Amino acid sequence: MDEQTPPDERRSDQASAQPGYGVGPWPGGPSAWPDGAQYDPELLAVGDTRNVIDRYRYWRMEAIVADLDTRRHPFHVAIENWQHDMNIGSIVRSANAFLADTVHIIGRRRWNKRGAMVTDRYQHVVHHEDVESFAAWAAGAGVPIIAVDNVDGAVPVDRADLPQRCVLLFGQEGPGLSEAALAAASAHIEITQYGSTRSINASAAAAVIMYEWCRRHAG
């Protein structure tokens, strides 16, 4: 992310907010504005309609990212993107909500950002050309890869070991993870289901697993 967010991107961030979100200009005018480098004079003057928690109202985007960086959780999220998955934006949004360290996109660099609802600007997102380069990164960082897919031998997440420091690897909608991705993982876990469908939506599955990690490890 650029150190200074261009005004057109800032307006895009504001425009992406849903109706009813946000606050108006800071009451009392410029003489009543709060002190602090984190505050954005433009937002103080015109209001902040972004979909951010109250703590970050009127804050500059780079200030929000810097604050998040001081308390991100030690789990990462990875998505194998070899068929241009439409769920990646929603997964990025969930990763931001659950304060994941970084989102790793494996394969195709391009992905549909609409589902992210601008949260990709607050969430670290990196790209790996293929599974091999991703696995090399994980090995170098000492981060175990936990594959999430309902394959033979996968352990239900409620009974599985979910390390505090790990990268949760998700596959495509439908085909799931590739053989190479499954082979790179040190563990395979799944979400127990009770209906007739073989799998649930990939972004929904990612949110379930991230929540389970937070339930166990988040302070």
Protein backbone atom coordinates (compact mmCIF):
# COMPACT_ATOMS: atom_id res chain seq x y z
CA MET A 1 0.00 0.00 0.00
CA ASP A 2 1.26 3.47 -0.85
CA GLU A 3 2.27 5.65 2.09
CA GLN A 4 -0.07 8.36 0.84
CA THR A 5 -3.40 7.13 -0.49
CA PRO A 6 -4.42 9.09 -3.62
CA PRO A 7 -7.56 11.23 -3.19
CA ASP A 8 -9.43 9.28 -5.87
CA GLU A 9 -8.85 6.03 -3.97
CA ARG A 10 -9.96 7.70 -0.73
CA ARG A 11 -13.19 8.77 -2.42
CA SER A 12 -13.63 5.23 -3.75
CA ASP A 13 -13.26 3.94 -0.20
CA GLN A 14 -15.94 6.36 0.97
CA ALA A 15 -18.22 5.50 -1.95
CA SER A 16 -18.00 1.79 -1.17
CA ALA A 17 -19.63 2.28 2.22
CA GLN A 18 -23.15 0.97 2.58
CA PRO A 19 -26.01 3.38 3.31
CA GLY A 20 -26.33 4.20 6.98
CA TYR A 21 -22.66 3.68 7.77
CA GLY A 22 -20.43 6.39 9.07
CA VAL A 23 -20.48 9.75 10.75
CA GLY A 24 -20.70 13.34 9.59
CA PRO A 25 -18.10 16.11 9.99
CA TRP A 26 -16.45 16.42 13.39
CA PRO A 27 -18.79 18.57 15.54
CA GLY A 28 -17.64 22.12 16.25
CA GLY A 29 -15.56 22.69 13.15
CA PRO A 30 -11.77 22.80 12.73
CA SER A 31 -11.19 24.52 16.07
CA ALA A 32 -12.60 21.42 17.81
CA TRP A 33 -10.70 18.82 15.80
CA PRO A 34 -8.74 16.29 17.87
CA ASP A 35 -4.96 16.31 17.90
CA GLY A 36 -3.01 13.38 16.51
CA ALA A 37 -1.20 12.43 13.32
CA GLN A 38 -3.62 9.54 12.80
CA TYR A 39 -6.50 11.89 11.93
CA ASP A 40 -7.31 12.79 8.32
CA PRO A 41 -8.27 16.49 7.95
CA GLU A 42 -10.46 15.72 4.94
CA LEU A 43 -12.46 13.13 6.86
CA LEU A 44 -12.77 15.44 9.86
CA ALA A 45 -14.13 18.13 7.56
CA VAL A 46 -16.59 16.10 5.45
CA GLY A 47 -17.33 13.02 7.55
CA ASP A 48 -16.30 9.38 7.48
CA THR A 49 -18.66 6.93 5.77
CA ARG A 50 -16.18 4.07 5.53
CA ASN A 51 -17.08 0.65 6.90
CA VAL A 52 -14.63 0.79 9.81
CA ILE A 53 -15.10 0.30 13.54
CA ASP A 54 -15.62 3.37 15.70
CA ARG A 55 -12.04 3.23 16.97
CA TYR A 56 -10.83 4.16 13.49
CA ARG A 57 -13.32 6.90 12.62
CA TYR A 58 -11.59 9.86 10.94
CA TRP A 59 -8.23 8.02 10.89
CA ARG A 60 -5.97 8.04 7.83
CA MET A 61 -5.85 4.69 6.07
CA GLU A 62 -2.12 4.22 6.62
CA ALA A 63 -2.60 4.98 10.32
CA ILE A 64 -5.22 2.24 10.57
CA VAL A 65 -2.90 -0.26 8.88
CA ALA A 66 -0.04 0.71 11.20
CA ASP A 67 -2.24 0.20 14.25
CA LEU A 68 -3.49 -3.17 12.98
CA ASP A 69 0.12 -4.21 12.41
CA THR A 70 0.83 -3.85 16.13
CA ARG A 71 -1.68 -6.55 17.05
CA ARG A 72 -2.22 -8.89 14.09
CA HIS A 73 -2.73 -12.55 14.94
CA PRO A 74 0.04 -15.01 14.02
CA PHE A 75 -2.02 -17.03 11.55
CA HIS A 76 -1.90 -16.51 7.80
CA VAL A 77 -4.48 -17.37 5.14
CA ALA A 78 -3.68 -18.75 1.70
CA ILE A 79 -5.90 -19.33 -1.32
CA GLU A 80 -5.01 -21.41 -4.34
CA ASN A 81 -6.20 -19.35 -7.31
CA TRP A 82 -5.56 -21.58 -10.32
CA GLN A 83 -9.06 -21.13 -11.78
CA HIS A 84 -9.61 -17.46 -10.91
CA ASP A 85 -11.74 -18.02 -7.83
CA MET A 86 -14.54 -15.51 -7.20
CA ASN A 87 -14.42 -16.12 -3.42
CA ILE A 88 -11.06 -14.49 -2.78
CA GLY A 89 -12.48 -11.03 -2.09
CA SER A 90 -14.78 -12.40 0.61
CA ILE A 91 -11.93 -14.38 2.14
CA VAL A 92 -9.77 -11.25 2.28
CA ARG A 93 -12.63 -9.44 4.01
CA SER A 94 -12.92 -12.22 6.61
CA ALA A 95 -9.14 -12.25 7.08
CA ASN A 96 -9.33 -8.56 7.90
CA ALA A 97 -12.23 -9.13 10.31
CA PHE A 98 -10.33 -11.87 12.16
CA LEU A 99 -7.05 -9.91 12.00
CA ALA A 100 -4.98 -12.42 10.05
CA ASP A 101 -1.33 -11.56 9.54
CA THR A 102 -1.27 -11.87 5.74
CA VAL A 103 -3.32 -13.30 2.89
CA HIS A 104 -1.33 -15.31 0.33
CA ILE A 105 -2.71 -15.78 -3.17
CA ILE A 106 -1.18 -18.73 -5.01
CA GLY A 107 -1.34 -18.98 -8.80
CA ARG A 108 -3.20 -16.34 -10.79
CA ARG A 109 -2.27 -12.87 -9.62
CA ARG A 110 -5.55 -11.24 -10.60
CA TRP A 111 -8.62 -11.70 -8.45
CA ASN A 112 -12.02 -10.05 -8.10
CA LYS A 113 -11.68 -7.42 -5.38
CA ARG A 114 -15.36 -6.49 -5.24
CA GLY A 115 -16.10 -8.98 -2.46
CA ALA A 116 -13.29 -7.52 -0.33
CA MET A 117 -15.29 -4.30 0.14
CA VAL A 118 -12.04 -2.26 0.26
CA THR A 119 -10.63 -4.33 3.14
CA ASP A 120 -7.68 -5.34 0.92
CA ARG A 121 -6.32 -1.83 1.60
CA TYR A 122 -6.09 -2.66 5.30
CA GLN A 123 -4.97 -6.28 4.90
CA HIS A 124 -1.52 -7.43 3.76
CA VAL A 125 -1.91 -9.48 0.56
CA VAL A 126 1.04 -11.15 -1.18
CA HIS A 127 1.29 -13.30 -4.31
CA HIS A 128 3.13 -16.56 -4.99
CA GLU A 129 3.53 -17.83 -8.55
CA ASP A 130 2.83 -21.45 -7.66
CA VAL A 131 2.51 -23.95 -4.81
CA GLU A 132 6.25 -24.61 -4.82
CA SER A 133 7.16 -20.97 -4.18
CA PHE A 134 4.46 -20.70 -1.52
CA ALA A 135 5.70 -23.85 0.21
CA ALA A 136 9.27 -22.49 0.09
CA TRP A 137 8.09 -19.29 1.78
CA ALA A 138 6.28 -21.26 4.50
CA ALA A 139 9.30 -23.48 5.13
CA GLY A 140 11.63 -20.47 5.32
CA ALA A 141 9.28 -18.68 7.71
CA GLY A 142 8.82 -21.79 9.85
CA VAL A 143 5.05 -21.66 9.39
CA PRO A 144 3.22 -25.03 9.06
CA ILE A 145 0.70 -25.31 6.23
CA ILE A 146 -2.75 -26.54 7.32
CA ALA A 147 -4.82 -27.59 4.29
CA VAL A 148 -8.59 -27.19 4.61
CA ASP A 149 -10.43 -29.64 2.34
CA ASN A 150 -12.79 -32.57 2.85
CA VAL A 151 -10.43 -35.20 1.50
CA ASP A 152 -9.84 -38.72 2.78
CA GLY A 153 -8.01 -38.62 6.08
CA ALA A 154 -8.88 -35.01 6.91
CA VAL A 155 -9.52 -34.43 10.62
CA PRO A 156 -12.63 -32.47 11.66
CA VAL A 157 -11.48 -29.03 12.80
CA ASP A 158 -13.14 -29.38 16.20
CA ARG A 159 -10.82 -32.34 16.91
CA ALA A 160 -7.79 -31.19 14.94
CA ASP A 161 -4.60 -29.57 16.15
CA LEU A 162 -4.71 -25.93 15.04
CA PRO A 163 -1.31 -24.37 15.76
CA GLN A 164 -1.15 -20.80 17.00
CA ARG A 165 1.33 -19.93 14.25
CA CYS A 166 0.26 -21.44 10.94
CA VAL A 167 -1.05 -20.73 7.46
CA LEU A 168 -4.57 -21.93 6.66
CA LEU A 169 -4.70 -23.06 3.03
CA PHE A 170 -8.00 -23.03 1.13
CA GLY A 171 -8.83 -24.26 -2.36
CA GLN A 172 -11.17 -23.39 -5.19
CA GLU A 173 -14.92 -23.63 -5.10
CA GLY A 174 -15.75 -27.13 -6.38
CA PRO A 175 -12.41 -28.81 -7.16
CA GLY A 176 -10.82 -27.89 -3.84
CA LEU A 177 -7.06 -27.99 -3.38
CA SER A 178 -4.70 -29.38 -5.99
CA GLU A 179 -2.64 -32.50 -5.32
CA ALA A 180 0.47 -30.33 -5.08
CA ALA A 181 -1.14 -28.12 -2.43
CA LEU A 182 -2.33 -31.11 -0.39
CA ALA A 183 1.14 -32.64 -0.57
CA ALA A 184 2.74 -29.40 0.68
CA ALA A 185 0.58 -29.36 3.83
CA SER A 186 1.62 -30.88 7.13
CA ALA A 187 -2.00 -31.50 8.13
CA HIS A 188 -5.41 -31.78 6.48
CA ILE A 189 -8.55 -30.61 8.27
CA GLU A 190 -12.21 -30.34 7.34
CA ILE A 191 -15.51 -28.88 8.55
CA THR A 192 -18.09 -31.42 9.66
CA GLN A 193 -21.28 -31.17 7.58
CA TYR A 194 -24.69 -32.69 8.11
CA GLY A 195 -26.65 -32.14 4.89
CA SER A 196 -26.56 -33.51 1.35
CA THR A 197 -24.08 -31.11 -0.26
CA ARG A 198 -20.48 -32.27 -0.60
CA SER A 199 -18.95 -28.90 0.22
CA ILE A 200 -19.83 -25.46 1.50
CA ASN A 201 -18.89 -22.14 -0.07
CA ALA A 202 -15.14 -21.56 0.07
CA SER A 203 -15.42 -18.13 1.68
CA ALA A 204 -17.86 -19.50 4.27
CA ALA A 205 -15.47 -22.33 5.05
CA ALA A 206 -12.60 -19.88 5.46
CA ALA A 207 -14.62 -17.77 7.90
CA VAL A 208 -15.52 -20.86 9.97
CA ILE A 209 -11.88 -21.94 10.27
CA MET A 210 -10.62 -18.45 11.06
CA TYR A 211 -13.25 -18.08 13.76
CA GLU A 212 -12.23 -21.44 15.24
CA TRP A 213 -8.60 -20.29 15.33
CA CYS A 214 -9.64 -17.09 17.11
CA ARG A 215 -11.86 -19.00 19.53
CA ARG A 216 -8.84 -21.03 20.61
CA HIS A 217 -6.02 -18.52 20.46
CA ALA A 218 -7.20 -14.90 20.39
CA GLY A 219 -6.81 -13.07 23.66
